[in-house]
C-alpha atoms as a PDB file:
ATOM      1  CA  MET A   1     -71.975  15.271  42.377  1.00  0.00           C
ATOM      2  CA  PHE A   2     -68.848  17.256  43.015  1.00  0.00           C
ATOM      3  CA  GLU A   3     -66.457  14.434  43.050  1.00  0.00           C
ATOM      4  CA  MET A   4     -68.222  12.887  39.805  1.00  0.00           C
ATOM      5  CA  LYS A   5     -67.794  16.546  37.638  1.00  0.00           C
ATOM      6  CA  ARG A   6     -63.736  16.767  38.990  1.00  0.00           C
ATOM      7  CA  LEU A   7     -63.700  13.435  37.482  1.00  0.00           C
ATOM      8  CA  ILE A   8     -65.347  13.670  34.865  1.00  0.00           C
ATOM      9  CA  SER A   9     -63.177  17.002  34.025  1.00  0.00           C
ATOM     10  CA  ILE A  10     -59.860  14.638  34.336  1.00  0.00           C
ATOM     11  CA  LEU A  11     -60.443  12.188  31.777  1.00  0.00           C
ATOM     12  CA  CYS A  12     -61.606  14.505  29.349  1.00  0.00           C
ATOM     13  CA  VAL A  13     -58.451  16.764  29.608  1.00  0.00           C
ATOM     14  CA  LEU A  14     -56.453  13.050  29.585  1.00  0.00           C
ATOM     15  CA  SER A  15     -58.795  12.669  26.578  1.00  0.00           C
ATOM     16  CA  ALA A  16     -57.372  15.335  25.245  1.00  0.00           C
ATOM     17  CA  LEU A  17     -53.619  15.236  26.560  1.00  0.00           C
ATOM     18  CA  MET A  18     -53.622  11.249  24.684  1.00  0.00           C
ATOM     19  CA  LEU A  19     -55.408  13.207  20.729  1.00  0.00           C
ATOM     20  CA  THR A  20     -52.655  15.674  21.365  1.00  0.00           C
ATOM     21  CA  ALA A  21     -49.525  13.161  21.969  1.00  0.00           C
ATOM     22  CA  GLY A  22     -50.727  11.200  18.747  1.00  0.00           C
ATOM     23  CA  THR A  23     -50.909  13.737  16.458  1.00  0.00           C
ATOM     24  CA  SER A  24     -47.386  14.540  17.414  1.00  0.00           C
ATOM     25  CA  CYS A  25     -46.424  11.374  16.799  1.00  0.00           C
ATOM     26  CA  SER A  26     -48.043  10.914  13.680  1.00  0.00           C
ATOM     27  CA  SER A  27     -46.659  13.666  12.483  1.00  0.00           C
ATOM     28  CA  ALA A  28     -43.193  12.592  13.387  1.00  0.00           C
ATOM     29  CA  ARG A  29     -43.172   9.383  11.917  1.00  0.00           C
ATOM     30  CA  HIS A  30     -44.339  11.567   8.195  1.00  0.00           C
ATOM     31  CA  ASN A  31     -41.873  14.016   8.868  1.00  0.00           C
ATOM     32  CA  ALA A  32     -39.328  11.053   9.503  1.00  0.00           C
ATOM     33  CA  SER A  33     -40.510   8.945   6.271  1.00  0.00           C
ATOM     34  CA  ARG A  34     -40.353  11.544   4.294  1.00  0.00           C
ATOM     35  CA  ASP A  35     -37.037  12.312   5.852  1.00  0.00           C
ATOM     36  CA  LEU A  36     -35.910   9.103   5.155  1.00  0.00           C
ATOM     37  CA  ASN A  37     -36.826   8.393   1.675  1.00  0.00           C
ATOM     38  CA  PRO A  38     -34.664   5.737   0.027  1.00  0.00           C
ATOM     39  CA  ASN A  39     -34.974   7.574  -2.937  1.00  0.00           C
ATOM     40  CA  GLU A  40     -33.357  10.548  -1.444  1.00  0.00           C
ATOM     41  CA  VAL A  41     -30.981   8.829   1.305  1.00  0.00           C
ATOM     42  CA  PHE A  42     -29.521   5.937  -0.987  1.00  0.00           C
ATOM     43  CA  THR A  43     -28.803   8.101  -4.149  1.00  0.00           C
ATOM     44  CA  VAL A  44     -25.424   8.433  -4.268  1.00  0.00           C
ATOM     45  CA  SER A  45     -25.052  11.229  -7.315  1.00  0.00           C
ATOM     46  CA  ASP A  46     -21.130  11.997  -9.495  1.00  0.00           C
ATOM     47  CA  ASN A  47     -20.682  15.005  -7.069  1.00  0.00           C
ATOM     48  CA  ASP A  48     -20.931  12.850  -4.336  1.00  0.00           C
ATOM     49  CA  ILE A  49     -17.916  10.466  -5.592  1.00  0.00           C
ATOM     50  CA  ILE A  50     -15.894  13.401  -7.359  1.00  0.00           C
ATOM     51  CA  ASN A  51     -16.065  15.076  -3.983  1.00  0.00           C
ATOM     52  CA  GLU A  52     -14.810  12.206  -2.083  1.00  0.00           C
ATOM     53  CA  THR A  53     -12.001  11.084  -4.524  1.00  0.00           C
ATOM     54  CA  TRP A  54     -10.718  14.772  -4.532  1.00  0.00           C
ATOM     55  CA  MET A  55     -10.982  15.010  -0.847  1.00  0.00           C
ATOM     56  CA  VAL A  56      -8.805  11.766  -0.474  1.00  0.00           C
ATOM     57  CA  ASN A  57      -6.523  12.152  -3.664  1.00  0.00           C
ATOM     58  CA  ARG A  58      -5.909  15.762  -1.390  1.00  0.00           C
ATOM     59  CA  ALA A  59      -3.461  13.084   1.120  1.00  0.00           C
ATOM     60  CA  ILE A  60      -0.739  12.584  -2.009  1.00  0.00           C
ATOM     61  CA  SER A  61      -1.142  15.582  -3.948  1.00  0.00           C
ATOM     62  CA  GLY A  62       1.483  17.365  -5.248  1.00  0.00           C
ATOM     63  CA  THR A  63       4.975  16.287  -7.145  1.00  0.00           C
ATOM     64  CA  TRP A  64       6.915  13.835  -5.131  1.00  0.00           C
ATOM     65  CA  LYS A  65      10.625  13.739  -5.882  1.00  0.00           C
ATOM     66  CA  TYR A  66      13.387  10.636  -5.720  1.00  0.00           C
ATOM     67  CA  ASN A  67      14.836  10.519  -2.743  1.00  0.00           C
ATOM     68  CA  GLY A  68      16.440   7.224  -2.342  1.00  0.00           C
ATOM     69  CA  PRO A  69      15.330   3.226  -2.266  1.00  0.00           C
ATOM     70  CA  SER A  70      12.551   2.420  -0.547  1.00  0.00           C
ATOM     71  CA  VAL A  71      12.217  -1.837  -0.209  1.00  0.00           C
ATOM     72  CA  GLY A  72       8.709  -3.305   1.479  1.00  0.00           C
ATOM     73  CA  VAL A  73       8.046  -7.176   1.872  1.00  0.00           C
ATOM     74  CA  SER A  74       4.664  -8.983   1.137  1.00  0.00           C
ATOM     75  CA  GLY A  75       5.894 -12.287   2.124  1.00  0.00           C
ATOM     76  CA  LYS A  76       7.883 -14.915   3.966  1.00  0.00           C
ATOM     77  CA  ASN A  77      11.572 -14.880   2.575  1.00  0.00           C
ATOM     78  CA  VAL A  78      14.755 -13.792   4.212  1.00  0.00           C
ATOM     79  CA  LEU A  79      13.308 -10.194   5.211  1.00  0.00           C
ATOM     80  CA  ALA A  80      10.968 -12.197   6.967  1.00  0.00           C
ATOM     81  CA  GLY A  81      10.579 -12.280  11.077  1.00  0.00           C
ATOM     82  CA  ILE A  82      14.113 -11.745  13.219  1.00  0.00           C
ATOM     83  CA  ALA A  83      16.609 -10.315  10.915  1.00  0.00           C
ATOM     84  CA  LYS A  84      14.158  -8.531   8.857  1.00  0.00           C
ATOM     85  CA  PRO A  85      15.452  -4.900   9.828  1.00  0.00           C
ATOM     86  CA  LEU A  86      18.939  -5.599   8.417  1.00  0.00           C
ATOM     87  CA  ALA A  87      17.819  -7.339   5.526  1.00  0.00           C
ATOM     88  CA  LYS A  88      15.699  -4.248   4.783  1.00  0.00           C
ATOM     89  CA  SER A  89      18.860  -2.374   5.265  1.00  0.00           C
ATOM     90  CA  LYS A  90      21.280  -4.213   3.886  1.00  0.00           C
ATOM     91  CA  LEU A  91      18.841  -4.588   0.328  1.00  0.00           C
ATOM     92  CA  LYS A  92      18.965  -0.890   0.185  1.00  0.00           C
ATOM     93  CA  LYS A  93      22.383  -0.365   0.133  1.00  0.00           C
ATOM     94  CA  LYS A  94      22.255  -2.938  -2.808  1.00  0.00           C
ATOM     95  CA  LEU A  95      19.187  -1.175  -4.521  1.00  0.00           C
ATOM     96  CA  LYS A  96      21.223   2.087  -3.946  1.00  0.00           C
ATOM     97  CA  LYS A  97      24.317   1.521  -5.650  1.00  0.00           C
ATOM     98  CA  ALA A  98      22.404  -0.666  -8.579  1.00  0.00           C
ATOM     99  CA  TYR A  99      19.441   2.866  -8.951  1.00  0.00           C
ATOM    100  CA  LYS A 100      22.588   5.068  -9.246  1.00  0.00           C
ATOM    101  CA  LYS A 101      23.768   2.923 -12.366  1.00  0.00           C
ATOM    102  CA  VAL A 102      20.302   3.166 -13.472  1.00  0.00           C
ATOM    103  CA  GLY A 103      20.751   6.842 -13.425  1.00  0.00           C
ATOM    104  CA  LEU A 104      18.420   7.795 -10.823  1.00  0.00           C
ATOM    105  CA  ASP A 105      20.613   9.578  -8.726  1.00  0.00           C
ATOM    106  CA  ARG A 106      21.312  11.726 -11.857  1.00  0.00           C
ATOM    107  CA  VAL A 107      17.713  12.272 -13.263  1.00  0.00           C
ATOM    108  CA  ARG A 108      15.792  12.348  -9.643  1.00  0.00           C
ATOM    109  CA  PRO A 109      12.328  11.262 -11.370  1.00  0.00           C
ATOM    110  CA  GLU A 110       9.150  13.408 -10.148  1.00  0.00           C
ATOM    111  CA  PHE A 111       6.232  11.945  -9.510  1.00  0.00           C
ATOM    112  CA  SER A 112       3.233  13.829  -9.792  1.00  0.00           C
ATOM    113  CA  PHE A 113      -0.919  13.351  -8.195  1.00  0.00           C
ATOM    114  CA  ASN A 114      -2.979  15.402  -8.586  1.00  0.00           C
ATOM    115  CA  PRO A 115      -6.239  15.752  -6.687  1.00  0.00           C
ATOM    116  CA  ASP A 116      -9.266  14.753 -10.134  1.00  0.00           C
ATOM    117  CA  GLY A 117      -6.918  11.788 -10.688  1.00  0.00           C
ATOM    118  CA  THR A 118      -4.560  12.312 -13.316  1.00  0.00           C
ATOM    119  CA  CYS A 119      -1.127  12.066 -12.634  1.00  0.00           C
ATOM    120  CA  ALA A 120       2.344  12.307 -14.822  1.00  0.00           C
ATOM    121  CA  ILE A 121       6.458  11.322 -14.293  1.00  0.00           C
ATOM    122  CA  GLY A 122       8.514  13.830 -14.681  1.00  0.00           C
ATOM    123  CA  VAL A 123      12.218  12.836 -16.299  1.00  0.00           C
ATOM    124  CA  MET A 124      15.014  15.014 -18.162  1.00  0.00           C
ATOM    125  CA  GLY A 125      12.285  17.149 -19.181  1.00  0.00           C
ATOM    126  CA  LYS A 126       9.797  15.450 -20.059  1.00  0.00           C
ATOM    127  CA  THR A 127       6.402  14.150 -18.855  1.00  0.00           C
ATOM    128  CA  LEU A 128       4.386  11.197 -19.108  1.00  0.00           C
ATOM    129  CA  LYS A 129       1.457  11.682 -17.844  1.00  0.00           C
ATOM    130  CA  GLY A 130      -2.093   8.898 -16.651  1.00  0.00           C
ATOM    131  CA  SER A 131      -4.046   8.478 -14.117  1.00  0.00           C
ATOM    132  CA  TYR A 132      -4.528   6.369 -11.111  1.00  0.00           C
ATOM    133  CA  ASN A 133      -6.823   5.033  -8.464  1.00  0.00           C
ATOM    134  CA  TYR A 134      -5.764   5.795  -4.506  1.00  0.00           C
ATOM    135  CA  ASN A 135      -6.212   3.329  -1.256  1.00  0.00           C
ATOM    136  CA  PRO A 136      -5.822   4.602   1.923  1.00  0.00           C
ATOM    137  CA  ASP A 137      -6.830   1.911   3.861  1.00  0.00           C
ATOM    138  CA  LEU A 138      -4.780  -1.051   2.012  1.00  0.00           C
ATOM    139  CA  GLU A 139      -2.095   2.076   1.398  1.00  0.00           C
ATOM    140  CA  THR A 140      -2.022   0.819  -2.949  1.00  0.00           C
ATOM    141  CA  ILE A 141      -1.803   2.706  -5.507  1.00  0.00           C
ATOM    142  CA  SER A 142      -2.844   1.760  -9.302  1.00  0.00           C
ATOM    143  CA  ILE A 143      -2.036   3.672 -12.193  1.00  0.00           C
ATOM    144  CA  LYS A 144      -1.792   3.741 -16.106  1.00  0.00           C
ATOM    145  CA  TRP A 145       0.780   5.861 -17.655  1.00  0.00           C
ATOM    146  CA  HIS A 146       0.144   5.598 -21.405  1.00  0.00           C
ATOM    147  CA  GLY A 147      -1.147   2.030 -21.529  1.00  0.00           C
ATOM    148  CA  LEU A 148       0.914   0.461 -19.003  1.00  0.00           C
ATOM    149  CA  PRO A 149      -0.768  -0.562 -15.653  1.00  0.00           C
ATOM    150  CA  LEU A 150       1.226  -0.754 -12.739  1.00  0.00           C
ATOM    151  CA  ASN A 151      -0.162  -1.578  -9.096  1.00  0.00           C
ATOM    152  CA  ALA A 152       1.583  -0.782  -6.252  1.00  0.00           C
ATOM    153  CA  LYS A 153       1.900  -0.185  -2.145  1.00  0.00           C
ATOM    154  CA  LEU A 154       1.677   4.221  -1.195  1.00  0.00           C
ATOM    155  CA  ARG A 155       2.355   4.582   2.495  1.00  0.00           C
ATOM    156  CA  ARG A 156       2.561   7.948   3.654  1.00  0.00           C
ATOM    157  CA  ASP A 157       5.633   9.147   6.178  1.00  0.00           C
ATOM    158  CA  GLY A 158       4.982  12.239   7.809  1.00  0.00           C
ATOM    159  CA  LYS A 159       3.575  14.616   5.540  1.00  0.00           C
ATOM    160  CA  LYS A 160       6.605  14.896   3.287  1.00  0.00           C
ATOM    161  CA  LYS A 161       7.481  11.256   2.241  1.00  0.00           C
ATOM    162  CA  LEU A 162       5.695   8.789   0.290  1.00  0.00           C
ATOM    163  CA  HIS A 163       6.922   5.375   0.203  1.00  0.00           C
ATOM    164  CA  LEU A 164       6.450   3.889  -3.656  1.00  0.00           C
ATOM    165  CA  THR A 165       7.445   0.158  -3.605  1.00  0.00           C
ATOM    166  CA  PHE A 166       5.862  -2.569  -6.429  1.00  0.00           C
ATOM    167  CA  ASP A 167       6.760  -6.058  -7.255  1.00  0.00           C
ATOM    168  CA  ALA A 168      10.106  -6.497  -8.379  1.00  0.00           C
ATOM    169  CA  ASP A 169       8.702  -7.533 -11.722  1.00  0.00           C
ATOM    170  CA  LYS A 170       6.437  -3.496 -12.427  1.00  0.00           C
ATOM    171  CA  LEU A 171       9.682  -1.798 -10.745  1.00  0.00           C
ATOM    172  CA  LEU A 172      11.273  -3.417 -14.030  1.00  0.00           C
ATOM    173  CA  SER A 173       8.581  -2.891 -16.711  1.00  0.00           C
ATOM    174  CA  LEU A 174       8.933   0.982 -14.685  1.00  0.00           C
ATOM    175  CA  ILE A 175      12.353   1.150 -15.504  1.00  0.00           C
ATOM    176  CA  SER A 176      12.036   0.285 -18.752  1.00  0.00           C
ATOM    177  CA  PHE A 177       9.842   2.545 -19.692  1.00  0.00           C
ATOM    178  CA  MET A 178      11.334   5.548 -18.731  1.00  0.00           C
ATOM    179  CA  GLY A 179      14.794   4.090 -19.806  1.00  0.00           C
ATOM    180  CA  ARG A 180      16.044   6.777 -22.100  1.00  0.00           C
ATOM    181  CA  PHE A 181      18.084   7.566 -19.660  1.00  0.00           C
ATOM    182  CA  SER A 182      20.065   4.573 -18.984  1.00  0.00           C
ATOM    183  CA  ASP A 183      21.202   2.006 -20.477  1.00  0.00           C
ATOM    184  CA  SER A 184      20.491  -2.433 -20.921  1.00  0.00           C
ATOM    185  CA  SER A 185      23.116  -3.410 -19.269  1.00  0.00           C
ATOM    186  CA  ALA A 186      22.736  -1.493 -16.031  1.00  0.00           C
ATOM    187  CA  ILE A 187      18.953  -2.369 -16.194  1.00  0.00           C
ATOM    188  CA  LYS A 188      19.936  -6.015 -16.722  1.00  0.00           C
ATOM    189  CA  ALA A 189      21.900  -5.793 -13.817  1.00  0.00           C
ATOM    190  CA  LEU A 190      19.362  -4.291 -11.265  1.00  0.00           C
ATOM    191  CA  SER A 191      17.038  -7.697 -12.611  1.00  0.00           C
ATOM    192  CA  THR A 192      19.992  -9.857 -11.683  1.00  0.00           C
ATOM    193  CA  LEU A 193      19.493  -9.156  -7.693  1.00  0.00           C
ATOM    194  CA  LEU A 194      15.982  -8.286  -7.648  1.00  0.00           C
ATOM    195  CA  ASP A 195      15.934 -12.450  -9.059  1.00  0.00           C
ATOM    196  CA  ASN A 196      17.221 -13.039  -5.720  1.00  0.00           C
ATOM    197  CA  TYR A 197      14.167 -11.749  -3.169  1.00  0.00           C
ATOM    198  CA  ASP A 198      11.034 -12.815  -3.527  1.00  0.00           C
ATOM    199  CA  ASP A 199       8.346 -11.509  -2.469  1.00  0.00           C
ATOM    200  CA  VAL A 200       9.683  -8.578  -2.093  1.00  0.00           C
ATOM    201  CA  MET A 201       8.811  -4.869  -2.913  1.00  0.00           C
ATOM    202  CA  VAL A 202      10.258  -2.335  -3.795  1.00  0.00           C
ATOM    203  CA  GLY A 203      10.950   0.799  -5.515  1.00  0.00           C
ATOM    204  CA  PHE A 204      11.485   4.716  -4.585  1.00  0.00           C
ATOM    205  CA  GLU A 205      11.310   7.320  -1.580  1.00  0.00           C
ATOM    206  CA  LEU A 206      10.090  10.300  -2.868  1.00  0.00           C
ATOM    207  CA  LYS A 207      10.160  13.619  -1.084  1.00  0.00           C
ATOM    208  CA  LYS A 208       8.539  16.179  -1.603  1.00  0.00           C
END
């Protein structure tokens, strides 16, 4: 009789424990379903987008001054393969001379990027305002100044340097757009130089 009562007591305790566990699991599932409400989890607010954009753009925010030419490669050409370092060096020297004739050394244009996606080019006391979209993963930037769209590569070089490079025709469009400080013959000479290099990204090394 004693053994029977003991067995019944044990079964009662086990039943109580199972009931409590079931209630706890049910409560946990209920709380989880409430916490993982798709309408809350997958809703992205305008503030979320603004905050994310702000954080990304902070990496390049500030005013950057022209410091010299920059060269990148976007395809197969004379710069590809084993000769690339030497070829890039030679092209940079040629660009430095061409940029000097265009007037970049004299006016040293400034590029300003703000965290809110607005930007500006400063040339000879004139400020051209615009907007931009920056993708740090692809190292690309889309810029628009006064209706002029420019797609470029933007590579960070430490905290104090940026390399902003364009397809040759886009670079010429930008320089022509800022052409108040240069004559057409200098721009034509630069165009002739760049015609000899296909699939090359050319632009500016910028320094903070």
